[in-house]
């Protein structure tokens, strides 16, 4: 589960088995459900039971693997993936490729979720593309929302 994107039908089946077990005690029986599953998957602080949605959990784990790939570029598996799938770019700019493995496709799926919360920490001006990188935490998408002026020398 930590390296592969599980099929949606499998995640739905796992959710169904957990849901039926907690409501009825027997996953194979059919009966009325008195509480919506979405409310049970909310955190306990929000009034739910804290059950996991298997699809969301699987996607979160894949995003975490992408984060590890970015933060540990010298690890063996990061070097292996870089050599095969993105030898001339970074993980964030890597393309799918024509002969992508299930592992690589899963990591790219997790990268989409990772990019939603990813931003730069401004340390020096050379490491930031002012107009394209997400580096401002108070703005939507963490990016400058203005159109770049034609005569701007700011990269």
C-alpha atoms as a PDB file:
ATOM      1  CA  UNK A   1       0.000   0.000   0.000  1.00  0.00           C
ATOM      2  CA  UNK A   2       2.935   2.333   0.574  1.00  0.00           C
ATOM      3  CA  UNK A   3       4.336   2.134  -2.959  1.00  0.00           C
ATOM      4  CA  UNK A   4       1.393   1.449  -5.246  1.00  0.00           C
ATOM      5  CA  UNK A   5      -1.823   3.220  -6.115  1.00  0.00           C
ATOM      6  CA  UNK A   6      -4.544   0.763  -5.211  1.00  0.00           C
ATOM      7  CA  UNK A   7      -7.458   0.445  -7.648  1.00  0.00           C
ATOM      8  CA  UNK A   8     -10.495   2.510  -6.694  1.00  0.00           C
ATOM      9  CA  UNK A   9     -12.737  -0.574  -6.640  1.00  0.00           C
ATOM     10  CA  UNK A  10     -10.419  -2.302  -4.161  1.00  0.00           C
ATOM     11  CA  UNK A  11     -10.433   0.752  -1.880  1.00  0.00           C
ATOM     12  CA  UNK A  12     -14.214   0.919  -2.094  1.00  0.00           C
ATOM     13  CA  UNK A  13     -14.450  -2.794  -1.224  1.00  0.00           C
ATOM     14  CA  UNK A  14     -12.143  -2.346   1.792  1.00  0.00           C
ATOM     15  CA  UNK A  15     -14.217   0.641   2.949  1.00  0.00           C
ATOM     16  CA  UNK A  16     -17.343  -1.464   2.517  1.00  0.00           C
ATOM     17  CA  UNK A  17     -15.954  -4.368   4.573  1.00  0.00           C
ATOM     18  CA  UNK A  18     -14.924  -2.074   7.436  1.00  0.00           C
ATOM     19  CA  UNK A  19     -18.243  -0.225   7.297  1.00  0.00           C
ATOM     20  CA  UNK A  20     -20.305  -3.417   7.328  1.00  0.00           C
ATOM     21  CA  UNK A  21     -18.249  -4.915  10.147  1.00  0.00           C
ATOM     22  CA  UNK A  22     -18.771  -1.907  12.407  1.00  0.00           C
ATOM     23  CA  UNK A  23     -22.449  -1.513  11.585  1.00  0.00           C
ATOM     24  CA  UNK A  24     -23.527  -5.150  11.503  1.00  0.00           C
ATOM     25  CA  UNK A  25     -20.737  -7.352  12.774  1.00  0.00           C
ATOM     26  CA  UNK A  26     -20.842  -9.461   9.613  1.00  0.00           C
ATOM     27  CA  UNK A  27     -19.361  -7.888   6.453  1.00  0.00           C
ATOM     28  CA  UNK A  28     -21.522 -10.038   4.163  1.00  0.00           C
ATOM     29  CA  UNK A  29     -24.952  -9.165   5.618  1.00  0.00           C
ATOM     30  CA  UNK A  30     -27.123  -6.414   4.139  1.00  0.00           C
ATOM     31  CA  UNK A  31     -28.936  -4.057   6.520  1.00  0.00           C
ATOM     32  CA  UNK A  32     -29.890  -0.410   7.007  1.00  0.00           C
ATOM     33  CA  UNK A  33     -27.092   2.008   7.824  1.00  0.00           C
ATOM     34  CA  UNK A  34     -28.117   4.607  10.375  1.00  0.00           C
ATOM     35  CA  UNK A  35     -25.109   6.925  10.112  1.00  0.00           C
ATOM     36  CA  UNK A  36     -23.473   8.175   6.904  1.00  0.00           C
ATOM     37  CA  UNK A  37     -20.032   6.706   6.296  1.00  0.00           C
ATOM     38  CA  UNK A  38     -18.659  10.172   5.485  1.00  0.00           C
ATOM     39  CA  UNK A  39     -19.494  11.317   9.020  1.00  0.00           C
ATOM     40  CA  UNK A  40     -17.771   8.252  10.531  1.00  0.00           C
ATOM     41  CA  UNK A  41     -14.585   8.944   8.554  1.00  0.00           C
ATOM     42  CA  UNK A  42     -14.336  12.443  10.067  1.00  0.00           C
ATOM     43  CA  UNK A  43     -11.793  12.868  12.834  1.00  0.00           C
ATOM     44  CA  UNK A  44     -12.911  12.416  16.427  1.00  0.00           C
ATOM     45  CA  UNK A  45     -12.429  16.160  17.007  1.00  0.00           C
ATOM     46  CA  UNK A  46     -14.989  16.792  14.239  1.00  0.00           C
ATOM     47  CA  UNK A  47     -17.507  14.379  15.752  1.00  0.00           C
ATOM     48  CA  UNK A  48     -16.680  11.304  13.672  1.00  0.00           C
ATOM     49  CA  UNK A  49     -15.154   7.962  14.583  1.00  0.00           C
ATOM     50  CA  UNK A  50     -11.825   8.556  12.830  1.00  0.00           C
ATOM     51  CA  UNK A  51     -12.152   5.664  10.359  1.00  0.00           C
ATOM     52  CA  UNK A  52      -9.833   5.935   7.391  1.00  0.00           C
ATOM     53  CA  UNK A  53     -10.981   6.349   3.852  1.00  0.00           C
ATOM     54  CA  UNK A  54      -8.692   3.813   2.135  1.00  0.00           C
ATOM     55  CA  UNK A  55      -8.385   5.787  -1.117  1.00  0.00           C
ATOM     56  CA  UNK A  56      -7.436   9.028   0.653  1.00  0.00           C
ATOM     57  CA  UNK A  57      -5.029   7.149   2.929  1.00  0.00           C
ATOM     58  CA  UNK A  58      -3.367   5.436  -0.038  1.00  0.00           C
ATOM     59  CA  UNK A  59      -2.959   8.770  -1.856  1.00  0.00           C
ATOM     60  CA  UNK A  60      -1.511  10.397   1.272  1.00  0.00           C
ATOM     61  CA  UNK A  61       1.072   7.621   1.603  1.00  0.00           C
ATOM     62  CA  UNK A  62       2.065   8.063  -2.047  1.00  0.00           C
ATOM     63  CA  UNK A  63       2.465  11.817  -1.497  1.00  0.00           C
ATOM     64  CA  UNK A  64       4.678  11.016   1.495  1.00  0.00           C
ATOM     65  CA  UNK A  65       6.837   8.786  -0.725  1.00  0.00           C
ATOM     66  CA  UNK A  66       7.192  11.699  -3.152  1.00  0.00           C
ATOM     67  CA  UNK A  67       8.254  13.921  -0.251  1.00  0.00           C
ATOM     68  CA  UNK A  68      10.878  11.341   0.757  1.00  0.00           C
ATOM     69  CA  UNK A  69      12.137  11.282  -2.820  1.00  0.00           C
ATOM     70  CA  UNK A  70      12.590  15.070  -2.735  1.00  0.00           C
ATOM     71  CA  UNK A  71      14.131  15.202   0.743  1.00  0.00           C
ATOM     72  CA  UNK A  72      16.496  12.209   0.347  1.00  0.00           C
ATOM     73  CA  UNK A  73      17.926  12.545  -3.180  1.00  0.00           C
ATOM     74  CA  UNK A  74      21.060  10.574  -2.203  1.00  0.00           C
ATOM     75  CA  UNK A  75      19.169   7.437  -1.155  1.00  0.00           C
ATOM     76  CA  UNK A  76      19.568   4.359  -3.324  1.00  0.00           C
ATOM     77  CA  UNK A  77      15.957   4.218  -4.483  1.00  0.00           C
ATOM     78  CA  UNK A  78      15.950   7.973  -5.306  1.00  0.00           C
ATOM     79  CA  UNK A  79      19.073   7.574  -7.431  1.00  0.00           C
ATOM     80  CA  UNK A  80      17.565   4.523  -9.133  1.00  0.00           C
ATOM     81  CA  UNK A  81      14.313   6.314 -10.000  1.00  0.00           C
ATOM     82  CA  UNK A  82      16.179   9.419 -11.131  1.00  0.00           C
ATOM     83  CA  UNK A  83      18.380   7.387 -13.427  1.00  0.00           C
ATOM     84  CA  UNK A  84      15.408   5.630 -15.010  1.00  0.00           C
ATOM     85  CA  UNK A  85      12.627   8.236 -15.123  1.00  0.00           C
ATOM     86  CA  UNK A  86      14.001  11.768 -14.726  1.00  0.00           C
ATOM     87  CA  UNK A  87      17.768  11.894 -15.361  1.00  0.00           C
ATOM     88  CA  UNK A  88      17.708  15.509 -16.614  1.00  0.00           C
ATOM     89  CA  UNK A  89      15.138  17.098 -14.299  1.00  0.00           C
ATOM     90  CA  UNK A  90      13.794  16.990 -10.773  1.00  0.00           C
ATOM     91  CA  UNK A  91      10.963  14.814  -9.474  1.00  0.00           C
ATOM     92  CA  UNK A  92       8.587  17.784  -9.554  1.00  0.00           C
ATOM     93  CA  UNK A  93       9.260  18.438 -13.260  1.00  0.00           C
ATOM     94  CA  UNK A  94       9.499  14.788 -14.334  1.00  0.00           C
ATOM     95  CA  UNK A  95       7.261  13.559 -17.147  1.00  0.00           C
ATOM     96  CA  UNK A  96       5.336  10.301 -17.263  1.00  0.00           C
ATOM     97  CA  UNK A  97       7.308   8.644 -20.044  1.00  0.00           C
ATOM     98  CA  UNK A  98       6.099   6.053 -22.528  1.00  0.00           C
ATOM     99  CA  UNK A  99       7.066   2.888 -20.595  1.00  0.00           C
ATOM    100  CA  UNK A 100       6.220   3.933 -17.049  1.00  0.00           C
ATOM    101  CA  UNK A 101       5.988   1.251 -14.371  1.00  0.00           C
ATOM    102  CA  UNK A 102       3.169   0.956 -11.868  1.00  0.00           C
ATOM    103  CA  UNK A 103       5.494   2.297  -9.154  1.00  0.00           C
ATOM    104  CA  UNK A 104       6.342   5.383 -11.209  1.00  0.00           C
ATOM    105  CA  UNK A 105       2.704   6.046 -12.136  1.00  0.00           C
ATOM    106  CA  UNK A 106       1.762   5.709  -8.466  1.00  0.00           C
ATOM    107  CA  UNK A 107       4.436   8.214  -7.421  1.00  0.00           C
ATOM    108  CA  UNK A 108       3.235  10.660 -10.076  1.00  0.00           C
ATOM    109  CA  UNK A 109      -0.309  10.289  -8.734  1.00  0.00           C
ATOM    110  CA  UNK A 110       0.975  11.098  -5.239  1.00  0.00           C
ATOM    111  CA  UNK A 111       2.930  14.063  -6.628  1.00  0.00           C
ATOM    112  CA  UNK A 112      -0.354  15.744  -7.621  1.00  0.00           C
ATOM    113  CA  UNK A 113      -1.490  15.712  -3.985  1.00  0.00           C
ATOM    114  CA  UNK A 114       1.965  16.741  -2.779  1.00  0.00           C
ATOM    115  CA  UNK A 115       2.040  19.773  -5.092  1.00  0.00           C
ATOM    116  CA  UNK A 116      -1.176  21.115  -3.558  1.00  0.00           C
ATOM    117  CA  UNK A 117       0.628  21.849  -0.303  1.00  0.00           C
ATOM    118  CA  UNK A 118       4.204  22.209  -1.494  1.00  0.00           C
ATOM    119  CA  UNK A 119       5.907  25.609  -1.342  1.00  0.00           C
ATOM    120  CA  UNK A 120       9.373  27.055  -1.312  1.00  0.00           C
ATOM    121  CA  UNK A 121      11.063  28.445   1.733  1.00  0.00           C
ATOM    122  CA  UNK A 122      12.680  31.684   0.606  1.00  0.00           C
ATOM    123  CA  UNK A 123      16.371  31.583   1.477  1.00  0.00           C
ATOM    124  CA  UNK A 124      18.140  33.229  -1.420  1.00  0.00           C
ATOM    125  CA  UNK A 125      16.889  34.761  -4.600  1.00  0.00           C
ATOM    126  CA  UNK A 126      18.862  32.399  -6.841  1.00  0.00           C
ATOM    127  CA  UNK A 127      16.865  29.345  -5.783  1.00  0.00           C
ATOM    128  CA  UNK A 128      13.394  30.815  -6.471  1.00  0.00           C
ATOM    129  CA  UNK A 129      11.624  31.466  -9.731  1.00  0.00           C
ATOM    130  CA  UNK A 130       9.670  34.500  -8.518  1.00  0.00           C
ATOM    131  CA  UNK A 131       6.807  34.141 -11.009  1.00  0.00           C
ATOM    132  CA  UNK A 132       6.388  30.361 -11.234  1.00  0.00           C
ATOM    133  CA  UNK A 133       7.319  28.792  -7.868  1.00  0.00           C
ATOM    134  CA  UNK A 134       4.896  28.589  -4.968  1.00  0.00           C
ATOM    135  CA  UNK A 135       6.717  30.445  -2.186  1.00  0.00           C
ATOM    136  CA  UNK A 136       4.216  32.863  -0.579  1.00  0.00           C
ATOM    137  CA  UNK A 137       2.186  31.068   2.128  1.00  0.00           C
ATOM    138  CA  UNK A 138      -0.597  33.672   2.307  1.00  0.00           C
ATOM    139  CA  UNK A 139      -1.556  33.505  -1.389  1.00  0.00           C
ATOM    140  CA  UNK A 140      -3.760  30.951  -3.126  1.00  0.00           C
ATOM    141  CA  UNK A 141      -1.552  28.263  -4.640  1.00  0.00           C
ATOM    142  CA  UNK A 142       1.359  29.983  -2.869  1.00  0.00           C
ATOM    143  CA  UNK A 143       2.128  31.780  -6.175  1.00  0.00           C
ATOM    144  CA  UNK A 144       2.214  35.412  -7.298  1.00  0.00           C
ATOM    145  CA  UNK A 145      -1.126  36.001  -9.037  1.00  0.00           C
ATOM    146  CA  UNK A 146      -0.008  38.938 -11.185  1.00  0.00           C
ATOM    147  CA  UNK A 147       0.913  38.742 -14.844  1.00  0.00           C
ATOM    148  CA  UNK A 148       4.647  39.042 -15.369  1.00  0.00           C
ATOM    149  CA  UNK A 149       5.565  42.381 -16.999  1.00  0.00           C
ATOM    150  CA  UNK A 150       7.403  42.067 -20.315  1.00  0.00           C
ATOM    151  CA  UNK A 151      10.263  44.338 -19.227  1.00  0.00           C
ATOM    152  CA  UNK A 152      10.808  42.601 -15.834  1.00  0.00           C
ATOM    153  CA  UNK A 153      14.344  41.421 -15.096  1.00  0.00           C
ATOM    154  CA  UNK A 154      13.155  39.418 -12.070  1.00  0.00           C
ATOM    155  CA  UNK A 155      13.363  35.704 -12.716  1.00  0.00           C
END
